[in-house]
């Protein structure tokens, strides 16, 4: 499976500490073999779409979507208190 990152998620990883970004990238890399790990949950009424899931990495959450059968799109990475807040669509695109 191929993993694509949104601009916002790339920016988060770039600004995060090396330790944190490595932990998050390891967890994301595991999605290649198992798209639905046991700690994933489906997000209802998501701003990003209908089939959005989240995984936990400590106090951080990774929102992702499976597009087709070959692509995982990482929408957002943020702290739990901020990850579900709506934002302008222009920022996302």
N, C-alpha and C. Protein backbone atom coordinates (compact mmCIF):
# COMPACT_ATOMS: atom_id res chain seq x y z
N UNK A 1 0.83 -1.18 0.00
CA UNK A 1 0.00 0.00 0.00
C UNK A 1 0.87 1.25 0.00
N UNK A 2 0.38 2.26 -0.63
CA UNK A 2 1.08 3.54 -0.69
C UNK A 2 0.50 4.47 0.37
N UNK A 3 1.35 5.24 1.01
CA UNK A 3 0.89 6.19 2.02
C UNK A 3 1.16 7.60 1.53
N UNK A 4 0.11 8.43 1.49
CA UNK A 4 0.22 9.84 1.10
C UNK A 4 -0.11 10.71 2.31
N UNK A 5 0.59 11.83 2.40
CA UNK A 5 0.40 12.76 3.52
C UNK A 5 -0.18 14.07 3.01
N UNK A 6 -1.12 14.64 3.76
CA UNK A 6 -1.62 15.97 3.45
C UNK A 6 -0.54 16.98 3.80
N UNK A 7 -0.69 18.20 3.32
CA UNK A 7 0.27 19.27 3.63
C UNK A 7 0.34 19.50 5.14
N UNK A 8 -0.79 19.46 5.78
CA UNK A 8 -0.85 19.70 7.22
C UNK A 8 -0.11 18.62 8.01
N UNK A 9 -0.28 17.36 7.61
CA UNK A 9 0.41 16.29 8.32
C UNK A 9 1.91 16.32 8.07
N UNK A 10 2.32 16.69 6.87
CA UNK A 10 3.75 16.85 6.58
C UNK A 10 4.35 17.95 7.45
N UNK A 11 3.63 19.05 7.56
CA UNK A 11 4.09 20.18 8.36
C UNK A 11 4.23 19.78 9.83
N UNK A 12 3.28 19.02 10.33
CA UNK A 12 3.35 18.57 11.72
C UNK A 12 4.59 17.72 11.95
N UNK A 13 4.85 16.77 11.07
CA UNK A 13 6.00 15.88 11.23
C UNK A 13 7.31 16.66 11.11
N UNK A 14 7.34 17.65 10.26
CA UNK A 14 8.54 18.47 10.09
C UNK A 14 8.85 19.27 11.36
N UNK A 15 7.81 19.77 12.03
CA UNK A 15 7.99 20.61 13.21
C UNK A 15 8.09 19.81 14.51
N UNK A 16 7.74 18.55 14.49
CA UNK A 16 7.77 17.72 15.70
C UNK A 16 9.21 17.33 16.04
N UNK A 17 9.41 16.92 17.28
CA UNK A 17 10.74 16.44 17.68
C UNK A 17 11.05 15.15 16.92
N UNK A 18 12.32 14.84 16.83
CA UNK A 18 12.74 13.64 16.11
C UNK A 18 12.15 12.38 16.71
N UNK A 19 12.15 12.30 18.03
CA UNK A 19 11.61 11.13 18.72
C UNK A 19 10.12 10.96 18.41
N UNK A 20 9.37 12.03 18.51
CA UNK A 20 7.93 11.97 18.26
C UNK A 20 7.64 11.61 16.81
N UNK A 21 8.32 12.26 15.88
CA UNK A 21 8.05 11.98 14.46
C UNK A 21 8.42 10.53 14.12
N UNK A 22 9.48 9.98 14.72
CA UNK A 22 9.84 8.58 14.47
C UNK A 22 8.78 7.63 15.02
N UNK A 23 8.26 7.93 16.22
CA UNK A 23 7.20 7.09 16.79
C UNK A 23 5.95 7.10 15.92
N UNK A 24 5.58 8.29 15.44
CA UNK A 24 4.39 8.41 14.60
C UNK A 24 4.60 7.70 13.27
N UNK A 25 5.76 7.89 12.65
CA UNK A 25 6.02 7.25 11.36
C UNK A 25 6.07 5.73 11.46
N UNK A 26 6.57 5.19 12.59
CA UNK A 26 6.56 3.74 12.79
C UNK A 26 5.13 3.22 12.83
N UNK A 27 4.27 3.93 13.55
CA UNK A 27 2.87 3.53 13.67
C UNK A 27 2.16 3.63 12.30
N UNK A 28 2.46 4.69 11.56
CA UNK A 28 1.87 4.85 10.23
C UNK A 28 2.37 3.76 9.29
N UNK A 29 3.64 3.41 9.40
CA UNK A 29 4.21 2.37 8.55
C UNK A 29 3.53 1.02 8.78
N UNK A 30 3.09 0.76 10.01
CA UNK A 30 2.38 -0.48 10.30
C UNK A 30 1.04 -0.57 9.57
N UNK A 31 0.49 0.59 9.16
CA UNK A 31 -0.77 0.58 8.42
C UNK A 31 -0.63 -0.09 7.06
N UNK A 32 0.59 -0.16 6.53
CA UNK A 32 0.80 -0.82 5.23
C UNK A 32 0.44 -2.30 5.29
N UNK A 33 0.71 -2.93 6.42
CA UNK A 33 0.42 -4.36 6.54
C UNK A 33 -0.96 -4.63 7.13
N UNK A 34 -1.43 -3.72 8.00
CA UNK A 34 -2.74 -3.90 8.61
C UNK A 34 -3.42 -2.53 8.67
N UNK A 35 -4.35 -2.30 7.77
CA UNK A 35 -5.03 -0.99 7.69
C UNK A 35 -5.92 -0.71 8.88
N UNK A 36 -6.32 -1.76 9.57
CA UNK A 36 -7.22 -1.62 10.70
C UNK A 36 -6.64 -2.27 11.95
N UNK A 37 -5.61 -1.64 12.55
CA UNK A 37 -5.08 -2.22 13.78
C UNK A 37 -6.13 -2.20 14.88
N UNK A 38 -5.90 -2.96 15.94
CA UNK A 38 -6.96 -3.10 16.94
C UNK A 38 -7.23 -1.82 17.71
N UNK A 39 -6.32 -0.84 17.68
CA UNK A 39 -6.60 0.42 18.38
C UNK A 39 -7.19 1.49 17.47
N UNK A 40 -7.52 1.14 16.23
CA UNK A 40 -8.11 2.14 15.33
C UNK A 40 -9.61 2.25 15.60
N UNK A 41 -10.13 3.45 15.36
CA UNK A 41 -11.56 3.68 15.49
C UNK A 41 -12.04 4.51 14.31
N UNK A 42 -13.25 4.23 13.88
CA UNK A 42 -13.85 5.00 12.80
C UNK A 42 -14.37 6.31 13.36
N UNK A 43 -14.14 7.39 12.63
CA UNK A 43 -14.58 8.71 13.04
C UNK A 43 -15.87 9.03 12.29
N UNK A 44 -16.93 9.27 13.02
CA UNK A 44 -18.22 9.63 12.41
C UNK A 44 -18.30 11.13 12.21
N UNK A 45 -19.02 11.54 11.17
CA UNK A 45 -19.24 12.96 10.86
C UNK A 45 -17.93 13.73 10.75
N UNK A 46 -16.96 13.15 10.09
CA UNK A 46 -15.66 13.79 9.96
C UNK A 46 -15.69 14.84 8.85
N UNK A 47 -14.95 15.90 9.07
CA UNK A 47 -14.78 16.96 8.08
C UNK A 47 -14.09 16.43 6.82
N UNK A 48 -13.28 15.38 6.99
CA UNK A 48 -12.47 14.88 5.89
C UNK A 48 -13.18 13.86 5.02
N UNK A 49 -14.24 13.25 5.48
CA UNK A 49 -14.95 12.26 4.69
C UNK A 49 -15.66 11.25 5.56
N UNK A 50 -16.30 10.28 4.90
CA UNK A 50 -17.10 9.29 5.61
C UNK A 50 -16.28 8.13 6.16
N UNK A 51 -15.20 7.79 5.49
CA UNK A 51 -14.44 6.60 5.88
C UNK A 51 -13.10 6.98 6.48
N UNK A 52 -13.15 7.76 7.54
CA UNK A 52 -11.94 8.23 8.20
C UNK A 52 -11.76 7.47 9.51
N UNK A 53 -10.53 7.06 9.77
CA UNK A 53 -10.20 6.31 10.97
C UNK A 53 -9.13 7.07 11.74
N UNK A 54 -8.94 6.69 13.01
CA UNK A 54 -7.88 7.29 13.79
C UNK A 54 -7.10 6.22 14.53
N UNK A 55 -5.81 6.49 14.68
CA UNK A 55 -4.97 5.65 15.51
C UNK A 55 -4.32 6.55 16.56
N UNK A 56 -3.95 5.95 17.68
CA UNK A 56 -3.35 6.70 18.78
C UNK A 56 -1.85 6.47 18.80
N UNK A 57 -1.13 7.56 19.08
CA UNK A 57 0.30 7.48 19.33
C UNK A 57 0.54 8.34 20.56
N UNK A 58 0.44 7.74 21.73
CA UNK A 58 0.54 8.50 22.97
C UNK A 58 -0.63 9.47 23.08
N UNK A 59 -0.33 10.75 23.29
CA UNK A 59 -1.39 11.76 23.38
C UNK A 59 -1.75 12.35 22.02
N UNK A 60 -1.17 11.82 20.97
CA UNK A 60 -1.44 12.31 19.62
C UNK A 60 -2.35 11.36 18.87
N UNK A 61 -3.08 11.90 17.89
CA UNK A 61 -3.98 11.11 17.06
C UNK A 61 -3.61 11.33 15.60
N UNK A 62 -3.74 10.26 14.82
CA UNK A 62 -3.49 10.31 13.38
C UNK A 62 -4.80 9.97 12.70
N UNK A 63 -5.33 10.91 11.90
CA UNK A 63 -6.56 10.67 11.14
C UNK A 63 -6.16 10.23 9.74
N UNK A 64 -6.71 9.11 9.30
CA UNK A 64 -6.37 8.60 7.97
C UNK A 64 -7.59 8.04 7.28
N UNK A 65 -7.46 7.92 5.96
CA UNK A 65 -8.54 7.39 5.14
C UNK A 65 -7.94 6.39 4.16
N UNK A 66 -8.66 5.33 3.89
CA UNK A 66 -8.22 4.35 2.90
C UNK A 66 -8.95 4.67 1.60
N UNK A 67 -8.16 5.02 0.60
CA UNK A 67 -8.72 5.42 -0.70
C UNK A 67 -8.50 4.27 -1.67
N UNK A 68 -9.59 3.67 -2.13
CA UNK A 68 -9.46 2.50 -3.00
C UNK A 68 -8.88 1.34 -2.22
N UNK A 69 -8.07 0.56 -2.88
CA UNK A 69 -7.45 -0.58 -2.19
C UNK A 69 -5.94 -0.44 -2.08
N UNK A 70 -5.39 0.66 -2.58
CA UNK A 70 -3.94 0.79 -2.63
C UNK A 70 -3.37 2.03 -1.94
N UNK A 71 -4.21 2.97 -1.50
CA UNK A 71 -3.69 4.24 -0.97
C UNK A 71 -4.26 4.52 0.42
N UNK A 72 -3.37 4.91 1.32
CA UNK A 72 -3.76 5.40 2.64
C UNK A 72 -3.41 6.87 2.68
N UNK A 73 -4.40 7.72 2.93
CA UNK A 73 -4.19 9.16 2.97
C UNK A 73 -4.20 9.61 4.43
N UNK A 74 -3.09 10.17 4.88
CA UNK A 74 -2.99 10.70 6.24
C UNK A 74 -3.49 12.14 6.21
N UNK A 75 -4.64 12.39 6.84
CA UNK A 75 -5.25 13.71 6.80
C UNK A 75 -4.64 14.66 7.81
N UNK A 76 -4.55 14.21 9.06
CA UNK A 76 -4.15 15.13 10.12
C UNK A 76 -3.46 14.38 11.25
N UNK A 77 -2.45 15.03 11.83
CA UNK A 77 -1.77 14.52 13.02
C UNK A 77 -1.77 15.67 14.02
N UNK A 78 -2.27 15.42 15.22
CA UNK A 78 -2.32 16.48 16.21
C UNK A 78 -2.60 15.89 17.59
N UNK A 79 -2.54 16.75 18.61
CA UNK A 79 -2.90 16.31 19.95
C UNK A 79 -4.38 15.98 20.00
N UNK A 80 -4.74 15.15 20.93
CA UNK A 80 -6.13 14.70 21.05
C UNK A 80 -7.10 15.86 21.19
N UNK A 81 -6.71 16.89 21.92
CA UNK A 81 -7.61 18.01 22.17
C UNK A 81 -7.83 18.87 20.93
N UNK A 82 -6.97 18.75 19.92
CA UNK A 82 -7.06 19.62 18.75
C UNK A 82 -7.38 18.90 17.45
N UNK A 83 -7.26 17.59 17.42
CA UNK A 83 -7.34 16.88 16.16
C UNK A 83 -8.74 16.89 15.54
N UNK A 84 -9.77 16.99 16.35
CA UNK A 84 -11.13 16.91 15.82
C UNK A 84 -11.75 18.27 15.54
N UNK A 85 -11.01 19.35 15.71
CA UNK A 85 -11.51 20.70 15.48
C UNK A 85 -11.57 20.96 13.99
N UNK A 86 -12.70 21.50 13.53
CA UNK A 86 -12.86 21.85 12.11
C UNK A 86 -11.95 22.99 11.75
N UNK A 87 -11.56 23.03 10.48
CA UNK A 87 -10.73 24.12 10.00
C UNK A 87 -11.19 24.51 8.61
N UNK A 88 -10.62 25.58 8.08
CA UNK A 88 -10.99 25.99 6.73
C UNK A 88 -10.52 24.96 5.72
N UNK A 89 -11.37 24.69 4.74
CA UNK A 89 -11.02 23.70 3.73
C UNK A 89 -9.85 24.18 2.87
N UNK A 90 -9.72 25.49 2.69
CA UNK A 90 -8.62 26.02 1.87
C UNK A 90 -7.28 25.69 2.51
N UNK A 91 -7.20 25.69 3.83
CA UNK A 91 -5.96 25.33 4.50
C UNK A 91 -5.59 23.89 4.21
N UNK A 92 -6.60 23.04 4.13
CA UNK A 92 -6.36 21.62 3.94
C UNK A 92 -5.87 21.33 2.53
N UNK A 93 -6.41 22.01 1.55
CA UNK A 93 -6.07 21.73 0.15
C UNK A 93 -4.86 22.45 -0.24
